[in-house]
Amino acid sequence: MRFHLFSPLLAFKKYPTLGSRSEFGDTMCFVSGAEAGKSKPGNLVPGKMATEGEPAALVKVLHLMILSSSWGMQLWMTFIAGFVLIRGVSRHTFGLVQSKLFPFYFYSVLGCAFLNLSIYATYHPRELLSPSESLQILLFFLCLVLAAVNAQWLSQSTNKTMLKMQEIEREHGLGDEVGRKEKREAYKALQEKDPKYKALRHKFFRYHGLSSLCNLVCMVCNGVNLAYAGLQLSEL
């Protein structure tokens, strides 16, 4: 806080009719407060969100569109697309379609997570973060990491293992049935008969389970951030 060295003299010149020490003291507080107010960077208003400048309307719209698009894409791929597809095509066709869709899906989520984190961090410096803003930064970063793990490792490992499984299944006349309930006994018999197939199946479900878990956590992170953004709207 800057205090003008000659504030008392300036105040006396401005207000020569001050009649008491209390009036003079009140004036000193007023002058010192005015000088201090000038020295505060940005004159932050208590109760307002601390940011590094106010984002433009285009930036706000872009951030909301990226976040909502990413969450909607996650919702569709996780709870709708797969369940609809498995009922209408064979098991091997379903696997091949998923092997083409999921890499593109995970890289899209990764790109959205990077853009969301970059935009949000630009207008929320670390020194000015509130607890809720710190949580949002953490969720954006967590989603970025999980999407990268899925795109770079889990998705690729799952697809490679699935293709090896399908080769063995074709040799035994499996994979052309529609739905998961068909020929269950034949798949169980193949596991007991072929140790290699059994090991591949366990490996596939391990990678697939980890990938699904990362995807669900990432979807929850985006959902929480989207809900917080909605709560900040002053009107619909």
Protein backbone atom coordinates (compact mmCIF):
# COMPACT_ATOMS: atom_id res chain seq x y z
CA MET A 1 0.00 0.00 0.00
CA ARG A 2 1.41 3.39 -0.98
CA PHE A 3 1.14 6.19 1.59
CA HIS A 4 1.93 9.66 0.35
CA LEU A 5 4.63 11.21 2.50
CA PHE A 6 3.03 14.66 2.38
CA SER A 7 -0.58 13.51 2.77
CA PRO A 8 -1.08 15.56 6.01
CA LEU A 9 0.13 18.78 4.35
CA LEU A 10 -1.96 18.17 1.24
CA ALA A 11 -5.00 17.47 3.35
CA PHE A 12 -4.47 20.64 5.39
CA LYS A 13 -4.21 22.70 2.22
CA LYS A 14 -7.35 21.12 0.78
CA TYR A 15 -9.32 21.43 4.01
CA PRO A 16 -8.01 24.52 5.91
CA THR A 17 -11.17 24.80 7.99
CA LEU A 18 -10.70 21.53 9.87
CA GLY A 19 -11.52 22.39 13.44
CA SER A 20 -10.67 19.32 15.47
CA ARG A 21 -8.19 16.50 15.62
CA SER A 22 -10.91 13.96 15.01
CA GLU A 23 -11.93 15.69 11.81
CA PHE A 24 -8.29 15.88 10.77
CA GLY A 25 -7.80 12.17 11.55
CA ASP A 26 -10.88 11.22 9.57
CA THR A 27 -9.57 13.19 6.65
CA MET A 28 -6.19 11.43 6.89
CA CYS A 29 -7.94 8.05 6.72
CA PHE A 30 -9.90 9.18 3.68
CA VAL A 31 -6.82 10.48 1.87
CA SER A 32 -4.74 7.41 2.74
CA GLY A 33 -7.54 5.11 1.63
CA ALA A 34 -7.83 6.93 -1.67
CA GLU A 35 -4.08 6.69 -2.26
CA ALA A 36 -4.12 2.99 -1.35
CA GLY A 37 -7.06 2.33 -3.65
CA LYS A 38 -5.14 3.74 -6.58
CA SER A 39 -2.24 1.39 -6.00
CA LYS A 40 -4.25 -1.87 -6.07
CA PRO A 41 -3.81 -3.72 -9.36
CA GLY A 42 -7.14 -4.06 -11.06
CA ASN A 43 -9.10 -2.80 -8.03
CA LEU A 44 -10.55 -6.27 -7.41
CA VAL A 45 -14.09 -6.19 -6.14
CA PRO A 46 -14.77 -8.53 -3.18
CA GLY A 47 -17.14 -11.37 -4.06
CA LYS A 48 -16.27 -11.47 -7.77
CA MET A 49 -14.41 -14.37 -9.37
CA ALA A 50 -10.70 -13.55 -9.61
CA THR A 51 -9.56 -13.90 -13.20
CA GLU A 52 -6.78 -12.66 -15.45
CA GLY A 53 -9.04 -10.35 -17.41
CA GLU A 54 -12.60 -10.93 -18.52
CA PRO A 55 -12.87 -13.47 -21.37
CA ALA A 56 -14.57 -12.29 -24.54
CA ALA A 57 -18.02 -13.55 -25.44
CA LEU A 58 -16.56 -15.70 -28.23
CA VAL A 59 -14.18 -17.39 -25.77
CA LYS A 60 -17.06 -18.15 -23.39
CA VAL A 61 -19.15 -19.66 -26.18
CA LEU A 62 -16.20 -21.68 -27.49
CA HIS A 63 -15.38 -23.06 -24.04
CA LEU A 64 -18.99 -24.06 -23.39
CA MET A 65 -19.36 -25.67 -26.83
CA ILE A 66 -16.18 -27.74 -26.46
CA LEU A 67 -17.09 -28.88 -22.94
CA SER A 68 -20.69 -29.78 -23.78
CA SER A 69 -19.68 -31.51 -27.05
CA SER A 70 -17.10 -33.63 -25.26
CA TRP A 71 -19.55 -34.66 -22.53
CA GLY A 72 -22.30 -35.42 -25.04
CA MET A 73 -19.92 -37.53 -27.12
CA GLN A 74 -18.89 -39.46 -24.01
CA LEU A 75 -22.51 -40.02 -23.03
CA TRP A 76 -23.42 -41.33 -26.50
CA MET A 77 -20.43 -43.65 -26.90
CA THR A 78 -20.65 -45.04 -23.36
CA PHE A 79 -24.36 -45.67 -22.87
CA ILE A 80 -26.04 -45.69 -26.30
CA ALA A 81 -23.95 -46.52 -29.37
CA GLY A 82 -22.50 -49.84 -28.23
CA PHE A 83 -25.75 -51.26 -26.85
CA VAL A 84 -27.63 -50.39 -30.04
CA LEU A 85 -24.91 -51.77 -32.33
CA ILE A 86 -24.45 -55.13 -30.59
CA ARG A 87 -28.11 -56.00 -31.17
CA GLY A 88 -27.94 -55.57 -34.94
CA VAL A 89 -24.58 -56.92 -36.11
CA SER A 90 -22.41 -59.98 -35.51
CA ARG A 91 -19.88 -60.09 -32.68
CA HIS A 92 -16.89 -59.77 -34.99
CA THR A 93 -18.47 -56.91 -36.95
CA PHE A 94 -19.24 -55.18 -33.67
CA GLY A 95 -15.63 -55.55 -32.57
CA LEU A 96 -14.26 -54.21 -35.86
CA VAL A 97 -16.56 -51.18 -35.78
CA GLN A 98 -15.56 -50.43 -32.20
CA SER A 99 -11.88 -50.79 -33.08
CA LYS A 100 -12.30 -48.03 -35.69
CA LEU A 101 -14.50 -45.75 -33.60
CA PHE A 102 -12.73 -45.82 -30.25
CA PRO A 103 -9.32 -44.47 -31.31
CA PHE A 104 -11.01 -41.51 -33.02
CA TYR A 105 -13.30 -41.07 -30.01
CA PHE A 106 -10.50 -41.09 -27.43
CA TYR A 107 -8.34 -38.68 -29.43
CA SER A 108 -11.34 -36.37 -29.81
CA VAL A 109 -11.91 -36.41 -26.05
CA LEU A 110 -8.18 -35.80 -25.55
CA GLY A 111 -8.26 -32.76 -27.85
CA CYS A 112 -11.33 -31.35 -26.13
CA ALA A 113 -9.75 -31.87 -22.70
CA PHE A 114 -6.59 -30.04 -23.79
CA LEU A 115 -8.57 -27.09 -25.16
CA ASN A 116 -10.81 -26.91 -22.09
CA LEU A 117 -7.84 -26.90 -19.73
CA SER A 118 -5.94 -24.34 -21.82
CA ILE A 119 -8.86 -21.91 -22.04
CA TYR A 120 -9.79 -22.21 -18.37
CA ALA A 121 -6.20 -21.91 -17.11
CA THR A 122 -5.59 -18.83 -19.27
CA TYR A 123 -8.29 -16.85 -17.47
CA HIS A 124 -7.71 -18.34 -14.01
CA PRO A 125 -4.12 -17.72 -12.83
CA ARG A 126 -2.87 -20.04 -10.11
CA GLU A 127 -2.30 -17.18 -7.65
CA LEU A 128 -5.97 -16.11 -7.82
CA LEU A 129 -7.72 -19.50 -7.78
CA SER A 130 -10.59 -20.07 -5.37
CA PRO A 131 -11.22 -23.60 -3.96
CA SER A 132 -13.96 -24.30 -6.51
CA GLU A 133 -11.79 -23.08 -9.38
CA SER A 134 -8.89 -25.21 -8.16
CA LEU A 135 -11.20 -28.23 -8.24
CA GLN A 136 -12.22 -27.43 -11.80
CA ILE A 137 -8.59 -27.13 -12.90
CA LEU A 138 -7.88 -30.49 -11.27
CA LEU A 139 -10.84 -32.15 -13.01
CA PHE A 140 -9.83 -30.76 -16.41
CA PHE A 141 -6.27 -32.02 -15.87
CA LEU A 142 -7.46 -35.45 -14.68
CA CYS A 143 -9.66 -35.81 -17.76
CA LEU A 144 -6.71 -34.87 -19.97
CA VAL A 145 -4.46 -37.52 -18.40
CA LEU A 146 -7.09 -40.29 -18.53
CA ALA A 147 -7.98 -39.50 -22.15
CA ALA A 148 -4.29 -39.62 -23.07
CA VAL A 149 -3.86 -43.01 -21.35
CA ASN A 150 -6.88 -44.36 -23.22
CA ALA A 151 -5.81 -42.98 -26.59
CA GLN A 152 -2.13 -43.91 -26.40
CA TRP A 153 -2.16 -47.21 -24.53
CA LEU A 154 -5.38 -48.90 -23.39
CA SER A 155 -7.34 -48.54 -26.62
CA GLN A 156 -4.50 -49.84 -28.79
CA SER A 157 -3.78 -52.77 -26.47
CA THR A 158 -7.47 -53.70 -26.35
CA ASN A 159 -7.79 -53.69 -30.15
CA LYS A 160 -4.65 -55.78 -30.70
CA THR A 161 -5.81 -58.39 -28.19
CA MET A 162 -9.31 -58.48 -29.69
CA LEU A 163 -7.98 -59.14 -33.21
CA LYS A 164 -5.91 -62.07 -31.95
CA MET A 165 -8.99 -63.48 -30.22
CA GLN A 166 -11.06 -63.17 -33.38
CA GLU A 167 -8.50 -65.17 -35.39
CA ILE A 168 -8.85 -68.10 -33.00
CA GLU A 169 -12.64 -67.78 -32.91
CA ARG A 170 -12.87 -67.94 -36.73
CA GLU A 171 -10.89 -71.17 -36.75
CA HIS A 172 -13.62 -72.68 -34.56
CA GLY A 173 -16.56 -71.24 -36.49
CA LEU A 174 -17.41 -68.52 -33.96
CA GLY A 175 -18.00 -64.79 -34.31
CA ASP A 176 -20.78 -64.61 -36.90
CA GLU A 177 -23.65 -64.78 -34.38
CA VAL A 178 -25.64 -61.66 -33.48
CA GLY A 179 -25.82 -60.69 -29.81
CA ARG A 180 -23.84 -61.77 -26.79
CA LYS A 181 -26.16 -64.55 -25.65
CA GLU A 182 -25.65 -66.78 -28.68
CA LYS A 183 -23.23 -69.74 -28.44
CA ARG A 184 -22.11 -68.97 -24.90
CA GLU A 185 -21.36 -72.61 -24.24
CA ALA A 186 -19.16 -72.79 -27.35
CA TYR A 187 -17.05 -69.85 -26.11
CA LYS A 188 -16.69 -71.45 -22.68
CA ALA A 189 -15.64 -74.72 -24.26
CA LEU A 190 -13.05 -72.89 -26.37
CA GLN A 191 -11.56 -71.30 -23.25
CA GLU A 192 -11.20 -74.68 -21.59
CA LYS A 193 -9.76 -76.26 -24.74
CA ASP A 194 -7.31 -73.52 -25.75
CA PRO A 195 -5.12 -71.98 -22.97
CA LYS A 196 -3.85 -69.31 -25.37
CA TYR A 197 -7.37 -68.14 -26.11
CA LYS A 198 -8.20 -68.12 -22.41
CA ALA A 199 -5.15 -65.96 -21.64
CA LEU A 200 -6.03 -63.56 -24.48
CA ARG A 201 -9.60 -63.30 -23.21
CA HIS A 202 -8.46 -62.44 -19.69
CA LYS A 203 -6.00 -59.88 -21.09
CA PHE A 204 -8.73 -58.34 -23.25
CA PHE A 205 -11.15 -57.90 -20.38
CA ARG A 206 -8.43 -56.44 -18.18
CA TYR A 207 -7.54 -53.76 -20.74
CA HIS A 208 -11.17 -53.19 -21.64
CA GLY A 209 -12.13 -52.78 -17.97
CA LEU A 210 -9.37 -50.25 -17.32
CA SER A 211 -10.32 -48.35 -20.46
CA SER A 212 -13.97 -48.23 -19.43
CA LEU A 213 -13.03 -47.03 -15.94
CA CYS A 214 -10.86 -44.21 -17.32
CA ASN A 215 -13.65 -43.23 -19.69
CA LEU A 216 -16.25 -43.13 -16.90
CA VAL A 217 -14.05 -41.03 -14.61
CA CYS A 218 -13.31 -38.63 -17.47
CA MET A 219 -17.03 -38.35 -18.20
CA VAL A 220 -17.77 -37.56 -14.54
CA CYS A 221 -15.06 -34.86 -14.56
CA ASN A 222 -16.59 -33.19 -17.61
CA GLY A 223 -20.08 -33.55 -16.14
CA VAL A 224 -19.09 -31.80 -12.91
CA ASN A 225 -17.40 -28.96 -14.79
CA LEU A 226 -20.39 -28.61 -17.10
CA ALA A 227 -22.76 -28.48 -14.12
CA TYR A 228 -20.59 -25.80 -12.49
CA ALA A 229 -20.61 -23.77 -15.70
CA GLY A 230 -24.40 -24.04 -15.81
CA LEU A 231 -24.71 -22.83 -12.21
CA GLN A 232 -22.76 -19.69 -13.13
CA LEU A 233 -25.41 -18.64 -15.67
CA SER A 234 -27.36 -15.63 -14.47
CA GLU A 235 -30.29 -16.37 -16.79
CA LEU A 236 -31.42 -18.87 -19.44
